[in-house]
Amino acid sequence: ASDSSKAQRYNPDTTLTIVIDTAVVNIRAHKLT
């Protein structure tokens, strides 16, 4: 990978495809670890 601002380079990032509700989740509250 290199600078995504150059030319036609794509910026792969799954997180750009989802809308995050909260920054932090207490997964143990959902019975997960």
PDB file of all heavy atoms in Angstrom:
ATOM      1  N   ALA A   1       0.829  -1.190   0.000  1.00  0.00           N
ATOM      2  CA  ALA A   1       0.000   0.000   0.000  1.00  0.00           C
ATOM      3  C   ALA A   1       0.857   1.231   0.000  1.00  0.00           C
ATOM      4  O   ALA A   1       1.989   1.217   0.431  1.00  0.00           O
ATOM      5  CB  ALA A   1      -0.889   0.028   1.236  1.00  0.00           C
ATOM      6  N   SER A   2       0.312   2.348  -0.505  1.00  0.00           N
ATOM      7  CA  SER A   2       1.009   3.621  -0.407  1.00  0.00           C
ATOM      8  C   SER A   2      -0.014   4.725  -0.293  1.00  0.00           C
ATOM      9  O   SER A   2      -1.191   4.461  -0.123  1.00  0.00           O
ATOM     10  CB  SER A   2       1.924   3.830  -1.610  1.00  0.00           C
ATOM     11  OG  SER A   2       1.176   3.883  -2.788  1.00  0.00           O
ATOM     12  N   ASP A   3       0.406   5.970  -0.414  1.00  0.00           N
ATOM     13  CA  ASP A   3      -0.423   7.132  -0.130  1.00  0.00           C
ATOM     14  C   ASP A   3      -1.701   7.120  -0.966  1.00  0.00           C
ATOM     15  O   ASP A   3      -1.664   7.204  -2.180  1.00  0.00           O
ATOM     16  CB  ASP A   3       0.389   8.393  -0.437  1.00  0.00           C
ATOM     17  CG  ASP A   3      -0.349   9.642  -0.009  1.00  0.00           C
ATOM     18  OD1 ASP A   3      -1.533   9.554   0.377  1.00  0.00           O
ATOM     19  OD2 ASP A   3       0.284  10.712  -0.061  1.00  0.00           O
ATOM     20  N   SER A   4      -2.868   7.035  -0.310  1.00  0.00           N
ATOM     21  CA  SER A   4      -4.132   6.937  -1.024  1.00  0.00           C
ATOM     22  C   SER A   4      -4.525   8.231  -1.703  1.00  0.00           C
ATOM     23  O   SER A   4      -5.454   8.253  -2.498  1.00  0.00           O
ATOM     24  CB  SER A   4      -5.240   6.524  -0.046  1.00  0.00           C
ATOM     25  OG  SER A   4      -5.388   7.494   0.973  1.00  0.00           O
ATOM     26  N   SER A   5      -3.828   9.307  -1.437  1.00  0.00           N
ATOM     27  CA  SER A   5      -4.152  10.576  -2.075  1.00  0.00           C
ATOM     28  C   SER A   5      -3.534  10.687  -3.453  1.00  0.00           C
ATOM     29  O   SER A   5      -3.838  11.605  -4.205  1.00  0.00           O
ATOM     30  CB  SER A   5      -3.646  11.738  -1.214  1.00  0.00           C
ATOM     31  OG  SER A   5      -2.229  11.732  -1.148  1.00  0.00           O
ATOM     32  N   LYS A   6      -2.676   9.753  -3.823  1.00  0.00           N
ATOM     33  CA  LYS A   6      -1.993   9.820  -5.100  1.00  0.00           C
ATOM     34  C   LYS A   6      -2.866   9.249  -6.207  1.00  0.00           C
ATOM     35  O   LYS A   6      -3.449   8.187  -6.096  1.00  0.00           O
ATOM     36  CB  LYS A   6      -0.686   9.039  -5.045  1.00  0.00           C
ATOM     37  CG  LYS A   6       0.287   9.530  -3.977  1.00  0.00           C
ATOM     38  CD  LYS A   6       0.859  10.886  -4.302  1.00  0.00           C
ATOM     39  CE  LYS A   6       1.922  11.296  -3.280  1.00  0.00           C
ATOM     40  NZ  LYS A   6       2.518  12.582  -3.589  1.00  0.00           N
ATOM     41  N   ALA A   7      -2.928   9.941  -7.334  1.00  0.00           N
ATOM     42  CA  ALA A   7      -3.545   9.450  -8.552  1.00  0.00           C
ATOM     43  C   ALA A   7      -4.896   8.789  -8.271  1.00  0.00           C
ATOM     44  O   ALA A   7      -5.716   9.329  -7.558  1.00  0.00           O
ATOM     45  CB  ALA A   7      -2.588   8.490  -9.260  1.00  0.00           C
ATOM     46  N   GLN A   8      -5.111   7.579  -8.863  1.00  0.00           N
ATOM     47  CA  GLN A   8      -6.390   6.899  -8.736  1.00  0.00           C
ATOM     48  C   GLN A   8      -6.375   5.835  -7.639  1.00  0.00           C
ATOM     49  O   GLN A   8      -7.174   4.926  -7.663  1.00  0.00           O
ATOM     50  CB  GLN A   8      -6.735   6.241 -10.085  1.00  0.00           C
ATOM     51  CG  GLN A   8      -6.951   7.224 -11.215  1.00  0.00           C
ATOM     52  CD  GLN A   8      -8.195   8.046 -11.030  1.00  0.00           C
ATOM     53  OE1 GLN A   8      -9.180   7.565 -10.515  1.00  0.00           O
ATOM     54  NE2 GLN A   8      -8.173   9.293 -11.459  1.00  0.00           N
ATOM     55  N   ARG A   9      -5.486   5.921  -6.701  1.00  0.00           N
ATOM     56  CA  ARG A   9      -5.384   4.864  -5.701  1.00  0.00           C
ATOM     57  C   ARG A   9      -6.659   4.776  -4.864  1.00  0.00           C
ATOM     58  O   ARG A   9      -7.229   5.781  -4.453  1.00  0.00           O
ATOM     59  CB  ARG A   9      -4.171   5.096  -4.785  1.00  0.00           C
ATOM     60  CG  ARG A   9      -2.858   4.872  -5.516  1.00  0.00           C
ATOM     61  CD  ARG A   9      -1.698   4.934  -4.559  1.00  0.00           C
ATOM     62  NE  ARG A   9      -0.461   4.657  -5.251  1.00  0.00           N
ATOM     63  CZ  ARG A   9       0.009   3.445  -5.468  1.00  0.00           C
ATOM     64  NH1 ARG A   9      -0.647   2.405  -5.036  1.00  0.00           N
ATOM     65  NH2 ARG A   9       1.150   3.267  -6.118  1.00  0.00           N
ATOM     66  N   TYR A  10      -7.068   3.549  -4.624  1.00  0.00           N
ATOM     67  CA  TYR A  10      -8.232   3.315  -3.797  1.00  0.00           C
ATOM     68  C   TYR A  10      -7.815   3.242  -2.336  1.00  0.00           C
ATOM     69  O   TYR A  10      -6.675   2.956  -2.021  1.00  0.00           O
ATOM     70  CB  TYR A  10      -8.926   2.014  -4.222  1.00  0.00           C
ATOM     71  CG  TYR A  10      -9.381   2.053  -5.651  1.00  0.00           C
ATOM     72  CD1 TYR A  10      -8.717   1.338  -6.639  1.00  0.00           C
ATOM     73  CD2 TYR A  10     -10.463   2.842  -6.017  1.00  0.00           C
ATOM     74  CE1 TYR A  10      -9.121   1.394  -7.961  1.00  0.00           C
ATOM     75  CE2 TYR A  10     -10.869   2.910  -7.338  1.00  0.00           C
ATOM     76  CZ  TYR A  10     -10.202   2.181  -8.303  1.00  0.00           C
ATOM     77  OH  TYR A  10     -10.600   2.243  -9.608  1.00  0.00           O
ATOM     78  N   ASN A  11      -8.756   3.484  -1.471  1.00  0.00           N
ATOM     79  CA  ASN A  11      -8.472   3.430  -0.033  1.00  0.00           C
ATOM     80  C   ASN A  11      -9.304   2.321   0.585  1.00  0.00           C
ATOM     81  O   ASN A  11     -10.398   2.565   1.086  1.00  0.00           O
ATOM     82  CB  ASN A  11      -8.793   4.770   0.620  1.00  0.00           C
ATOM     83  CG  ASN A  11      -8.426   4.780   2.087  1.00  0.00           C
ATOM     84  OD1 ASN A  11      -7.603   3.981   2.538  1.00  0.00           O
ATOM     85  ND2 ASN A  11      -9.037   5.674   2.841  1.00  0.00           N
ATOM     86  N   PRO A  12      -8.824   1.086   0.532  1.00  0.00           N
ATOM     87  CA  PRO A  12      -9.628  -0.029   1.043  1.00  0.00           C
ATOM     88  C   PRO A  12      -9.842   0.090   2.544  1.00  0.00           C
ATOM     89  O   PRO A  12      -8.902   0.196   3.306  1.00  0.00           O
ATOM     90  CB  PRO A  12      -8.773  -1.263   0.716  1.00  0.00           C
ATOM     91  CG  PRO A  12      -7.755  -0.797  -0.266  1.00  0.00           C
ATOM     92  CD  PRO A  12      -7.525   0.644   0.030  1.00  0.00           C
ATOM     93  N   ASP A  13     -11.079   0.038   2.966  1.00  0.00           N
ATOM     94  CA  ASP A  13     -11.373   0.092   4.392  1.00  0.00           C
ATOM     95  C   ASP A  13     -12.815  -0.346   4.607  1.00  0.00           C
ATOM     96  O   ASP A  13     -13.747   0.371   4.274  1.00  0.00           O
ATOM     97  CB  ASP A  13     -11.165   1.508   4.933  1.00  0.00           C
ATOM     98  CG  ASP A  13     -11.214   1.542   6.455  1.00  0.00           C
ATOM     99  OD1 ASP A  13     -11.753   0.600   7.046  1.00  0.00           O
ATOM    100  OD2 ASP A  13     -10.712   2.510   7.041  1.00  0.00           O
ATOM    101  N   THR A  14     -12.992  -1.521   5.174  1.00  0.00           N
ATOM    102  CA  THR A  14     -14.333  -2.036   5.435  1.00  0.00           C
ATOM    103  C   THR A  14     -15.131  -1.064   6.294  1.00  0.00           C
ATOM    104  O   THR A  14     -16.334  -0.920   6.121  1.00  0.00           O
ATOM    105  CB  THR A  14     -14.249  -3.395   6.156  1.00  0.00           C
ATOM    106  OG1 THR A  14     -13.509  -4.294   5.335  1.00  0.00           O
ATOM    107  CG2 THR A  14     -15.622  -3.975   6.404  1.00  0.00           C
ATOM    108  N   THR A  15     -14.467  -0.372   7.214  1.00  0.00           N
ATOM    109  CA  THR A  15     -15.189   0.480   8.145  1.00  0.00           C
ATOM    110  C   THR A  15     -15.869   1.650   7.450  1.00  0.00           C
ATOM    111  O   THR A  15     -16.782   2.243   7.999  1.00  0.00           O
ATOM    112  CB  THR A  15     -14.242   1.036   9.231  1.00  0.00           C
ATOM    113  OG1 THR A  15     -13.208   1.803   8.613  1.00  0.00           O
ATOM    114  CG2 THR A  15     -13.624  -0.094  10.017  1.00  0.00           C
ATOM    115  N   LEU A  16     -15.440   1.989   6.249  1.00  0.00           N
ATOM    116  CA  LEU A  16     -16.095   3.064   5.524  1.00  0.00           C
ATOM    117  C   LEU A  16     -17.465   2.640   5.009  1.00  0.00           C
ATOM    118  O   LEU A  16     -18.286   3.478   4.662  1.00  0.00           O
ATOM    119  CB  LEU A  16     -15.222   3.522   4.349  1.00  0.00           C
ATOM    120  CG  LEU A  16     -13.886   4.166   4.712  1.00  0.00           C
ATOM    121  CD1 LEU A  16     -13.130   4.540   3.455  1.00  0.00           C
ATOM    122  CD2 LEU A  16     -14.097   5.399   5.574  1.00  0.00           C
ATOM    123  N   THR A  17     -17.721   1.330   4.952  1.00  0.00           N
ATOM    124  CA  THR A  17     -18.970   0.824   4.418  1.00  0.00           C
ATOM    125  C   THR A  17     -20.051   0.725   5.479  1.00  0.00           C
ATOM    126  O   THR A  17     -21.222   0.612   5.168  1.00  0.00           O
ATOM    127  CB  THR A  17     -18.744  -0.571   3.790  1.00  0.00           C
ATOM    128  OG1 THR A  17     -17.662  -0.472   2.876  1.00  0.00           O
ATOM    129  CG2 THR A  17     -19.967  -1.062   3.042  1.00  0.00           C
ATOM    130  N   ILE A  18     -19.666   0.746   6.741  1.00  0.00           N
ATOM    131  CA  ILE A  18     -20.662   0.616   7.805  1.00  0.00           C
ATOM    132  C   ILE A  18     -20.788   1.929   8.566  1.00  0.00           C
ATOM    133  O   ILE A  18     -19.872   2.735   8.618  1.00  0.00           O
ATOM    134  CB  ILE A  18     -20.311  -0.526   8.778  1.00  0.00           C
ATOM    135  CG1 ILE A  18     -19.068  -0.199   9.600  1.00  0.00           C
ATOM    136  CG2 ILE A  18     -20.122  -1.835   8.035  1.00  0.00           C
ATOM    137  CD1 ILE A  18     -18.792  -1.195  10.692  1.00  0.00           C
ATOM    138  N   VAL A  19     -21.962   2.123   9.139  1.00  0.00           N
ATOM    139  CA  VAL A  19     -22.223   3.276  10.000  1.00  0.00           C
ATOM    140  C   VAL A  19     -22.085   2.813  11.440  1.00  0.00           C
ATOM    141  O   VAL A  19     -22.813   1.912  11.892  1.00  0.00           O
ATOM    142  CB  VAL A  19     -23.628   3.851   9.752  1.00  0.00           C
ATOM    143  CG1 VAL A  19     -23.889   5.013  10.702  1.00  0.00           C
ATOM    144  CG2 VAL A  19     -23.769   4.292   8.302  1.00  0.00           C
ATOM    145  N   ILE A  20     -21.119   3.387  12.178  1.00  0.00           N
ATOM    146  CA  ILE A  20     -20.854   2.968  13.552  1.00  0.00           C
ATOM    147  C   ILE A  20     -21.784   3.701  14.502  1.00  0.00           C
ATOM    148  O   ILE A  20     -21.897   4.928  14.472  1.00  0.00           O
ATOM    149  CB  ILE A  20     -19.383   3.236  13.929  1.00  0.00           C
ATOM    150  CG1 ILE A  20     -18.459   2.425  13.015  1.00  0.00           C
ATOM    151  CG2 ILE A  20     -19.128   2.894  15.383  1.00  0.00           C
ATOM    152  CD1 ILE A  20     -18.656   0.934  13.088  1.00  0.00           C
ATOM    153  N   ASP A  21     -22.449   2.935  15.363  1.00  0.00           N
ATOM    154  CA  ASP A  21     -23.376   3.526  16.333  1.00  0.00           C
ATOM    155  C   ASP A  21     -22.639   4.139  17.517  1.00  0.00           C
ATOM    156  O   ASP A  21     -22.956   5.225  17.964  1.00  0.00           O
ATOM    157  CB  ASP A  21     -24.345   2.460  16.851  1.00  0.00           C
ATOM    158  CG  ASP A  21     -25.206   1.882  15.732  1.00  0.00           C
ATOM    159  OD1 ASP A  21     -25.478   2.615  14.772  1.00  0.00           O
ATOM    160  OD2 ASP A  21     -25.586   0.706  15.828  1.00  0.00           O
ATOM    161  N   THR A  22     -21.664   3.406  18.050  1.00  0.00           N
ATOM    162  CA  THR A  22     -20.906   3.883  19.189  1.00  0.00           C
ATOM    163  C   THR A  22     -19.437   3.561  18.991  1.00  0.00           C
ATOM    164  O   THR A  22     -19.084   2.645  18.261  1.00  0.00           O
ATOM    165  CB  THR A  22     -21.383   3.204  20.488  1.00  0.00           C
ATOM    166  OG1 THR A  22     -21.229   1.792  20.361  1.00  0.00           O
ATOM    167  CG2 THR A  22     -22.832   3.541  20.785  1.00  0.00           C
ATOM    168  N   ALA A  23     -18.576   4.311  19.647  1.00  0.00           N
ATOM    169  CA  ALA A  23     -17.143   4.084  19.490  1.00  0.00           C
ATOM    170  C   ALA A  23     -16.676   2.851  20.247  1.00  0.00           C
ATOM    171  O   ALA A  23     -15.736   2.189  19.854  1.00  0.00           O
ATOM    172  CB  ALA A  23     -16.360   5.307  19.968  1.00  0.00           C
ATOM    173  N   VAL A  24     -17.334   2.535  21.357  1.00  0.00           N
ATOM    174  CA  VAL A  24     -16.903   1.420  22.197  1.00  0.00           C
ATOM    175  C   VAL A  24     -18.112   0.567  22.559  1.00  0.00           C
ATOM    176  O   VAL A  24     -19.188   1.082  22.837  1.00  0.00           O
ATOM    177  CB  VAL A  24     -16.218   1.917  23.484  1.00  0.00           C
ATOM    178  CG1 VAL A  24     -15.812   0.728  24.352  1.00  0.00           C
ATOM    179  CG2 VAL A  24     -15.002   2.778  23.143  1.00  0.00           C
ATOM    180  N   VAL A  25     -17.925  -0.741  22.562  1.00  0.00           N
ATOM    181  CA  VAL A  25     -18.981  -1.674  22.947  1.00  0.00           C
ATOM    182  C   VAL A  25     -18.474  -2.557  24.078  1.00  0.00           C
ATOM    183  O   VAL A  25     -17.360  -3.072  24.025  1.00  0.00           O
ATOM    184  CB  VAL A  25     -19.403  -2.565  21.751  1.00  0.00           C
ATOM    185  CG1 VAL A  25     -20.294  -3.707  22.218  1.00  0.00           C
ATOM    186  CG2 VAL A  25     -20.138  -1.734  20.711  1.00  0.00           C
ATOM    187  N   ASN A  26     -19.290  -2.714  25.110  1.00  0.00           N
ATOM    188  CA  ASN A  26     -18.980  -3.661  26.177  1.00  0.00           C
ATOM    189  C   ASN A  26     -19.489  -5.025  25.722  1.00  0.00           C
ATOM    190  O   ASN A  26     -20.660  -5.360  25.887  1.00  0.00           O
ATOM    191  CB  ASN A  26     -19.656  -3.246  27.480  1.00  0.00           C
ATOM    192  CG  ASN A  26     -19.356  -4.219  28.617  1.00  0.00           C
ATOM    193  OD1 ASN A  26     -18.634  -5.191  28.454  1.00  0.00           O
ATOM    194  ND2 ASN A  26     -19.933  -3.946  29.776  1.00  0.00           N
ATOM    195  N   ILE A  27     -18.591  -5.808  25.111  1.00  0.00           N
ATOM    196  CA  ILE A  27     -19.032  -7.062  24.516  1.00  0.00           C
ATOM    197  C   ILE A  27     -19.505  -8.052  25.569  1.00  0.00           C
ATOM    198  O   ILE A  27     -20.322  -8.920  25.276  1.00  0.00           O
ATOM    199  CB  ILE A  27     -17.917  -7.701  23.663  1.00  0.00           C
ATOM    200  CG1 ILE A  27     -16.648  -7.928  24.491  1.00  0.00           C
ATOM    201  CG2 ILE A  27     -17.636  -6.864  22.436  1.00  0.00           C
ATOM    202  CD1 ILE A  27     -15.596  -8.723  23.758  1.00  0.00           C
ATOM    203  N   ARG A  28     -19.002  -7.936  26.795  1.00  0.00           N
ATOM    204  CA  ARG A  28     -19.424  -8.867  27.840  1.00  0.00           C
ATOM    205  C   ARG A  28     -20.889  -8.670  28.205  1.00  0.00           C
ATOM    206  O   ARG A  28     -21.557  -9.594  28.660  1.00  0.00           O
ATOM    207  CB  ARG A  28     -18.518  -8.727  29.060  1.00  0.00           C
ATOM    208  CG  ARG A  28     -17.120  -9.296  28.800  1.00  0.00           C
ATOM    209  CD  ARG A  28     -16.153  -9.019  29.926  1.00  0.00           C
ATOM    210  NE  ARG A  28     -14.849  -9.607  29.641  1.00  0.00           N
ATOM    211  CZ  ARG A  28     -13.945  -9.089  28.835  1.00  0.00           C
ATOM    212  NH1 ARG A  28     -14.211  -7.946  28.211  1.00  0.00           N
ATOM    213  NH2 ARG A  28     -12.784  -9.686  28.628  1.00  0.00           N
ATOM    214  N   ALA A  29     -21.388  -7.446  27.971  1.00  0.00           N
ATOM    215  CA  ALA A  29     -22.806  -7.201  28.204  1.00  0.00           C
ATOM    216  C   ALA A  29     -23.663  -7.952  27.186  1.00  0.00           C
ATOM    217  O   ALA A  29     -24.853  -8.175  27.407  1.00  0.00           O
ATOM    218  CB  ALA A  29     -23.106  -5.697  28.119  1.00  0.00           C
ATOM    219  N   HIS A  30     -23.037  -8.351  26.077  1.00  0.00           N
ATOM    220  CA  HIS A  30     -23.741  -9.117  25.055  1.00  0.00           C
ATOM    221  C   HIS A  30     -23.371 -10.598  25.131  1.00  0.00           C
ATOM    222  O   HIS A  30     -23.581 -11.340  24.174  1.00  0.00           O
ATOM    223  CB  HIS A  30     -23.395  -8.564  23.665  1.00  0.00           C
ATOM    224  CG  HIS A  30     -23.796  -7.135  23.476  1.00  0.00           C
ATOM    225  ND1 HIS A  30     -25.041  -6.769  23.022  1.00  0.00           N
ATOM    226  CD2 HIS A  30     -23.120  -5.980  23.697  1.00  0.00           C
ATOM    227  CE1 HIS A  30     -25.106  -5.447  22.959  1.00  0.00           C
ATOM    228  NE2 HIS A  30     -23.964  -4.953  23.365  1.00  0.00           N
ATOM    229  N   LYS A  31     -22.781 -11.009  26.271  1.00  0.00           N
ATOM    230  CA  LYS A  31     -22.383 -12.391  26.508  1.00  0.00           C
ATOM    231  C   LYS A  31     -21.334 -12.866  25.496  1.00  0.00           C
ATOM    232  O   LYS A  31     -21.334 -14.017  25.079  1.00  0.00           O
ATOM    233  CB  LYS A  31     -23.611 -13.306  26.498  1.00  0.00           C
ATOM    234  CG  LYS A  31     -24.613 -12.986  27.595  1.00  0.00           C
ATOM    235  CD  LYS A  31     -25.780 -13.958  27.575  1.00  0.00           C
ATOM    236  CE  LYS A  31     -26.776 -13.623  28.694  1.00  0.00           C
ATOM    237  NZ  LYS A  31     -27.934 -14.549  28.705  1.00  0.00           N
ATOM    238  N   LEU A  32     -20.463 -11.939  25.101  1.00  0.00           N
ATOM    239  CA  LEU A  32     -19.366 -12.269  24.202  1.00  0.00           C
ATOM    240  C   LEU A  32     -18.050 -11.902  24.864  1.00  0.00           C
ATOM    241  O   LEU A  32     -18.003 -11.051  25.755  1.00  0.00           O
ATOM    242  CB  LEU A  32     -19.493 -11.500  22.877  1.00  0.00           C
ATOM    243  CG  LEU A  32     -20.664 -11.880  21.972  1.00  0.00           C
ATOM    244  CD1 LEU A  32     -20.803 -10.855  20.851  1.00  0.00           C
ATOM    245  CD2 LEU A  32     -20.464 -13.272  21.380  1.00  0.00           C
ATOM    246  N   THR A  33     -16.979 -12.520  24.421  1.00  0.00           N
ATOM    247  CA  THR A  33     -15.644 -12.195  24.908  1.00  0.00           C
ATOM    248  C   THR A  33     -14.715 -11.991  23.721  1.00  0.00           C
ATOM    249  O   THR A  33     -15.061 -12.313  22.572  1.00  0.00           O
ATOM    250  CB  THR A  33     -15.072 -13.334  25.779  1.00  0.00           C
ATOM    251  OG1 THR A  33     -14.838 -14.493  24.951  1.00  0.00           O
ATOM    252  CG2 THR A  33     -16.015 -13.691  26.910  1.00  0.00           C
TER     253      THR A  33
END
